[in-house]
Amino acid sequence: MKAIKVARAFIIDFITIVAVIYILLSLLTTENGTSLKEILGAGEGVLIIISAALLAGTEVGFRYIRYRHGKQELDLLSQKLNDITEGKKPGHILLEPNDPLYGISRTINRLENRQHDFTKDFTIQQRGYFSLIEYLTIGVMILDQDRKIYMSNHAMSDLMGREMNLQGQIYINEIRTYDLSRMIEAAFSSQEDQHSEIRLDLTGKVVDAHVVYVPVSKHRLLVMVLLYDITELKEIERMQLDFVSNVSHELKTPITAITGFSETLLQGAMEDKKALAEFLAIIHKESLKLTDLVEDILSLARIDANTELNLKEINLREYLTELLKTFKPQLEKKKIKVFLEITETAVVSMDQNKLRHVIDNLIQNAIKYNNFQGKVWVSGTLTETSWSISVRDNGYGISQDKQERIFERFYRIDTSRSRDNGGTGLGLSVVKEYVAAMNGEISLESQVGVGSKFTVKFPIELNAQEKIL
């Protein structure tokens, strides 16, 4: 095809040149009026043909060279446009300013620059969004219209208990929780958002699940799955309900006793002096239990309400000596001896009120759960970075399997014995809360039939703004 075009161009040029030469030979004459055509004579035709052939061949050759050069430039421009549409990064095409395609090449180069800037901005923006989603504390997973995973963050994998950032995978094969799969399918079919609280099968976590339908365009959509971990909130709610239930139960026991015996007295039992004295003693005992329970509940409330520490320097030996005096009636009643093992020079900076609640409860327990004529040791140690107080007794002791739960609210080791001794089940939980409020630690060493030792340890330097953890 190309050969035919070249031959056609050669013939046309050849005929045109022959005609032009023939006319010129006819018109050009010498000084005496003789034309060049006459001078050439018989060799005229051959000369015209050879000259025309050479000129026509030269013209066709130059034209073909220009054609080839122009075609190469057009091919380069076309290839560059294809590369741009495919997202590749071709180099700029540089042409001479006098080149016919110079204007087109500059336009394509500017188009490439704009496309490169747009792609760069889009990539930066996309990375920013992906990074933001990745570091969110809520689980995020995005599905495309084919129900395939487009992306998923680390929190989603943690909640689901397995890797979920599996791009291109059908979500139904990766999500192992029926309730969540059902919500996603409902969003796809109804094209409406879905919301529910569900429990994830693999990890057992409770999540507040939102499935959001996102219509991107007329023919494209996304579905976003958002999981908020509310396991801890649900546990707190359960603990609050348990606390209210336990408080109600603990309050009901002494109130029922007080109400019952007072009604009996009002109905005529006051005439019986023996019954009167017995019933009044029971009412008094139950009212003391009620007072202790209310005081313990108020102590827990005070810890939450007052988080700042009122620090003052105290001499530990003098402080503990004064505190032990308040237990003199109880110690004398059970004939318990107390040994104070702490130096007279031990001085620390501490919130006296909070520390008093801690020591009061520990000494009270050491007396309540001790044998008749038992012993209690109160000792203290001081180091460069911390100080501690230990309260040890030779009383009943606590078995190993029950020591882990001893600081739970309303937990009693021996319910009948605790009730007989007036225990509320809140004392040690109050101690733990106060110790935590002072940035301290509490530990227990105990053996059944040998006794128990509670140790509270605090840092030497405390911040007055220290908050409860």
Foldseek 3Di string as FASTA:
>chain_A
DVVVVLVVQLVVQLVVQLVVVVVQQVPDADPVGHGNPVVCPPCVVVVSNVVSNVVSVVVSVVVVVVVVVVVVVVVVLVVLVVCLVVVHQDDQDDDDPPDPCRVVSVVSVVVSVVSVVVVVVVVVVVVVVVVVQQPDLKWKWKAWLVQFTCATHPNVCVQLVHDDGDGPHRVVVPQPAPVVVVQQVCCSVVVAKDWDWDARDPPRFIWTWIWHWADPDPPITMIMIITHGCRVVVVVVVVVVVVVVLLVVQLCVLVVLLVVLVVVVVVPCVVPVVSVVVSVVSNVLSVVLNVVLVVLVVLVVVCQVDLFAPKDKDFVVVLVVVLVVVCVVLCVVLVEEEAEAEDRPDIAIGRSVLVSLQVVLLVLCLSLQAHRHWYWYWYKDDDPWKIKIKIKIQGFWDDPVCPVCLLPAQDDRDVVSCVVSSHRSRSNVSNCQSLQSQVKDWDKDTDGNGIIMIMIMHTRDTDRGRGRD
